[in-house]
Amino acid sequence: MWWRRRKETTDVTTDNWLVVGLGNPGAKYEATRHNVGQMALDVLANRMGAKFSPHKTNSRVAEGRLVPGGPKLILAKSNGYMNTSGGPVSALAKYFDIAPDRLIVLHDELDIPFDSIKLKTGGGHGGHNGLRDIAKALGTPEFTRVRIGIGRPPGQQDVADFVLKPFGTSERSALPVLIEDAADATERVITDGLLAAQQRYHGATGGAQ
């Protein structure tokens, strides 16, 4: 893979991170559960004072630093649909010369209760088609995931319908805190490492504690 060649031919550790928020494009989807990763990405962009602009990788990109002299963050949203996230993410990683260990993907997670955050590197996709496509395109699942809990649909509601609908009334009051927590968790991974971020968030019930 191109990223293996890069790591083998340089001793310099890049201070750049590629942070991708998963979701579907367009106003129809922007407030849905499936787009919560992009909502958290917007929080990070606001913190950096950065704006998203069209990019040749079929994405919208915002670049900046959270603190002066800190790591450079490349925030990206695919212009394509969730199930085809792999192509744009792979193209972004290649364009910016980012290895998978410097990639963080923010995404919705059905298997985590709403209002909770979990983090991990690697592992399976758990049926999440966006993660599946990214791992396939990169040739590895070894990238970090900020998993934003949306919970399972109630009763017999179809999963596909559930993730493509806006958050319910009772969820909306807690949603701003949830996406701020996801942005905070992403920052913690970058500044302090995955283990420190896990220790901070994996003890959380109903948000970070």
Protein backbone atom coordinates (compact mmCIF):
# COMPACT_ATOMS: atom_id res chain seq x y z
CA MET A 1 0.00 0.00 0.00
CA TRP A 2 1.15 3.58 -0.66
CA TRP A 3 1.02 4.46 3.04
CA ARG A 4 3.30 1.53 3.92
CA ARG A 5 5.83 2.81 1.41
CA ARG A 6 5.65 6.26 2.97
CA LYS A 7 6.31 4.97 6.49
CA GLU A 8 9.20 2.82 5.29
CA THR A 9 10.94 5.64 3.43
CA THR A 10 10.80 8.47 6.00
CA ASP A 11 11.98 8.92 9.57
CA VAL A 12 9.99 12.10 10.02
CA THR A 13 6.74 11.79 11.97
CA THR A 14 4.11 14.04 10.47
CA ASP A 15 2.10 16.23 12.82
CA ASN A 16 -0.96 16.12 10.57
CA TRP A 17 -4.20 14.30 11.36
CA LEU A 18 -7.03 13.47 8.97
CA VAL A 19 -10.37 13.62 10.79
CA VAL A 20 -13.39 12.41 8.83
CA GLY A 21 -17.03 12.83 9.82
CA LEU A 22 -19.30 10.26 8.20
CA GLY A 23 -22.75 11.02 6.84
CA ASN A 24 -24.83 11.59 3.74
CA PRO A 25 -24.73 14.78 1.66
CA GLY A 26 -27.44 17.40 1.37
CA ALA A 27 -29.94 19.23 3.56
CA LYS A 28 -32.27 16.20 3.55
CA TYR A 29 -29.84 14.23 5.70
CA GLU A 30 -27.85 16.78 7.69
CA ALA A 31 -30.00 16.51 10.85
CA THR A 32 -30.35 12.71 10.80
CA ARG A 33 -28.78 10.21 13.20
CA HIS A 34 -26.51 8.86 10.46
CA ASN A 35 -24.89 12.30 10.17
CA VAL A 36 -23.94 12.78 13.81
CA GLY A 37 -20.26 12.30 12.89
CA GLN A 38 -20.45 15.31 10.59
CA MET A 39 -22.22 17.31 13.31
CA ALA A 40 -19.25 16.70 15.63
CA LEU A 41 -16.86 17.62 12.82
CA ASP A 42 -18.63 20.98 12.51
CA VAL A 43 -17.88 21.60 16.20
CA LEU A 44 -14.18 20.97 15.58
CA ALA A 45 -14.21 23.30 12.56
CA ASN A 46 -15.85 26.03 14.63
CA ARG A 47 -13.20 25.63 17.33
CA MET A 48 -10.48 26.11 14.71
CA GLY A 49 -12.28 28.99 13.01
CA ALA A 50 -12.09 27.00 9.76
CA LYS A 51 -14.56 26.77 6.88
CA PHE A 52 -15.23 23.78 4.64
CA SER A 53 -14.34 24.19 0.98
CA PRO A 54 -14.66 21.87 -2.03
CA HIS A 55 -11.69 19.58 -2.58
CA LYS A 56 -10.55 17.53 -5.57
CA THR A 57 -11.05 14.30 -3.58
CA ASN A 58 -14.85 14.62 -3.88
CA SER A 59 -14.93 16.01 -0.36
CA ARG A 60 -15.29 19.23 1.57
CA VAL A 61 -12.20 20.05 3.62
CA ALA A 62 -11.34 22.45 6.43
CA GLU A 63 -7.77 22.80 7.69
CA GLY A 64 -6.37 24.39 10.81
CA ARG A 65 -5.02 23.97 14.32
CA LEU A 66 -6.91 23.87 17.58
CA VAL A 67 -4.09 25.71 19.37
CA PRO A 68 -1.14 27.70 17.97
CA GLY A 69 1.73 25.34 17.28
CA GLY A 70 -0.48 22.28 17.77
CA PRO A 71 -1.03 19.46 15.30
CA LYS A 72 -2.60 20.37 11.98
CA LEU A 73 -6.07 18.91 11.50
CA ILE A 74 -7.54 18.16 8.09
CA LEU A 75 -11.29 17.86 8.62
CA ALA A 76 -13.22 16.21 5.81
CA LYS A 77 -16.75 15.32 4.75
CA SER A 78 -17.34 13.15 1.72
CA ASN A 79 -19.63 14.53 -0.99
CA GLY A 80 -20.82 10.97 -1.60
CA TYR A 81 -23.12 8.75 0.39
CA MET A 82 -22.24 6.87 3.57
CA ASN A 83 -21.91 3.49 1.86
CA THR A 84 -19.25 4.83 -0.53
CA SER A 85 -17.11 6.65 2.04
CA GLY A 86 -14.02 4.60 1.20
CA GLY A 87 -13.11 6.24 -2.08
CA PRO A 88 -13.01 9.82 -0.80
CA VAL A 89 -11.28 8.85 2.47
CA SER A 90 -8.61 6.87 0.63
CA ALA A 91 -8.11 9.75 -1.81
CA LEU A 92 -7.81 12.23 1.07
CA ALA A 93 -5.28 10.05 2.89
CA LYS A 94 -3.19 9.73 -0.25
CA TYR A 95 -3.44 13.42 -1.19
CA PHE A 96 -2.39 14.63 2.27
CA ASP A 97 0.04 11.72 2.82
CA ILE A 98 -1.73 10.50 5.96
CA ALA A 99 -1.13 6.95 7.21
CA PRO A 100 -4.06 5.04 8.78
CA ASP A 101 -2.64 5.54 12.28
CA ARG A 102 -3.23 9.29 11.85
CA LEU A 103 -6.82 8.87 10.64
CA ILE A 104 -9.79 9.39 12.97
CA VAL A 105 -13.31 8.60 11.79
CA LEU A 106 -16.32 10.02 13.64
CA HIS A 107 -19.48 7.99 13.11
CA ASP A 108 -22.84 6.95 14.51
CA GLU A 109 -22.97 3.68 16.46
CA LEU A 110 -26.14 1.64 16.97
CA ASP A 111 -24.58 -0.68 19.54
CA ILE A 112 -23.82 2.14 21.98
CA PRO A 113 -26.59 3.85 23.98
CA PHE A 114 -27.55 7.33 22.93
CA ASP A 115 -25.54 10.06 24.65
CA SER A 116 -22.42 7.88 25.09
CA ILE A 117 -19.02 7.96 23.39
CA LYS A 118 -16.65 5.04 22.84
CA LEU A 119 -13.28 4.96 21.10
CA LYS A 120 -11.19 2.24 19.53
CA THR A 121 -8.62 1.53 16.86
CA GLY A 122 -9.17 -1.30 14.40
CA GLY A 123 -11.59 -4.16 14.77
CA GLY A 124 -14.64 -5.02 12.73
CA HIS A 125 -17.18 -2.69 11.18
CA GLY A 126 -20.17 -4.02 13.14
CA GLY A 127 -22.38 -3.79 10.06
CA HIS A 128 -21.61 -0.10 9.55
CA ASN A 129 -21.30 0.25 5.78
CA GLY A 130 -19.28 3.46 5.94
CA LEU A 131 -16.60 1.81 8.07
CA ARG A 132 -16.69 -1.29 5.91
CA ASP A 133 -16.03 0.73 2.76
CA ILE A 134 -13.22 2.75 4.34
CA ALA A 135 -11.41 -0.36 5.60
CA LYS A 136 -11.75 -1.95 2.17
CA ALA A 137 -10.44 1.13 0.35
CA LEU A 138 -7.50 1.59 2.73
CA GLY A 139 -6.70 -2.11 2.81
CA THR A 140 -6.73 -2.04 6.62
CA PRO A 141 -9.19 -1.47 9.49
CA GLU A 142 -6.42 -0.02 11.68
CA PHE A 143 -7.69 3.53 12.04
CA THR A 144 -9.22 5.20 15.08
CA ARG A 145 -12.98 5.47 15.46
CA VAL A 146 -14.90 7.93 17.64
CA ARG A 147 -18.13 6.00 18.05
CA ILE A 148 -21.08 8.25 18.83
CA GLY A 149 -23.92 6.32 20.41
CA ILE A 150 -27.36 6.62 18.86
CA GLY A 151 -28.82 3.43 20.34
CA ARG A 152 -31.00 0.82 18.68
CA PRO A 153 -34.40 1.62 17.12
CA PRO A 154 -37.38 1.01 19.37
CA GLY A 155 -39.71 -1.92 18.78
CA GLN A 156 -39.73 -3.30 15.26
CA GLN A 157 -38.57 -0.11 13.54
CA ASP A 158 -36.25 -0.81 10.61
CA VAL A 159 -32.63 0.13 11.26
CA ALA A 160 -32.26 1.83 7.86
CA ASP A 161 -35.29 4.03 8.57
CA PHE A 162 -34.08 4.79 12.09
CA VAL A 163 -30.63 6.09 11.12
CA LEU A 164 -32.03 8.22 8.30
CA LYS A 165 -34.46 10.08 10.54
CA PRO A 166 -33.77 13.12 12.74
CA PHE A 167 -33.25 12.65 16.46
CA GLY A 168 -36.40 12.44 18.54
CA THR A 169 -37.70 15.27 20.67
CA SER A 170 -36.29 13.87 23.91
CA GLU A 171 -32.88 13.31 22.29
CA ARG A 172 -32.53 16.80 20.84
CA SER A 173 -32.00 18.45 24.22
CA ALA A 174 -28.99 16.18 24.91
CA LEU A 175 -27.62 16.21 21.35
CA PRO A 176 -25.50 19.40 21.66
CA VAL A 177 -23.66 17.92 24.64
CA LEU A 178 -23.17 14.61 22.82
CA ILE A 179 -21.55 16.20 19.78
CA GLU A 180 -19.39 18.44 21.99
CA ASP A 181 -18.27 15.29 23.83
CA ALA A 182 -17.40 13.64 20.50
CA ALA A 183 -15.33 16.66 19.50
CA ASP A 184 -13.64 16.67 22.93
CA ALA A 185 -12.87 12.95 22.62
CA THR A 186 -11.30 13.53 19.21
CA GLU A 187 -9.11 16.28 20.65
CA ARG A 188 -8.08 14.01 23.53
CA VAL A 189 -6.99 11.25 21.12
CA ILE A 190 -4.82 13.75 19.24
CA THR A 191 -3.28 15.47 22.26
CA ASP A 192 -3.04 12.65 24.82
CA GLY A 193 -3.40 9.40 22.87
CA LEU A 194 -6.11 6.78 22.54
CA LEU A 195 -5.64 5.18 25.97
CA ALA A 196 -6.06 8.47 27.82
CA ALA A 197 -9.15 9.25 25.76
CA GLN A 198 -10.63 5.82 26.48
CA GLN A 199 -10.00 6.26 30.20
CA ARG A 200 -11.82 9.58 30.08
CA TYR A 201 -14.87 8.45 28.12
CA HIS A 202 -15.38 4.74 28.63
CA GLY A 203 -16.51 5.23 32.19
CA ALA A 204 -19.21 7.62 30.98
CA THR A 205 -22.87 6.87 31.36
CA GLY A 206 -25.16 9.34 29.67
CA GLY A 207 -22.21 11.35 28.38
CA ALA A 208 -18.72 12.00 29.67
CA GLN A 209 -18.07 12.02 33.40
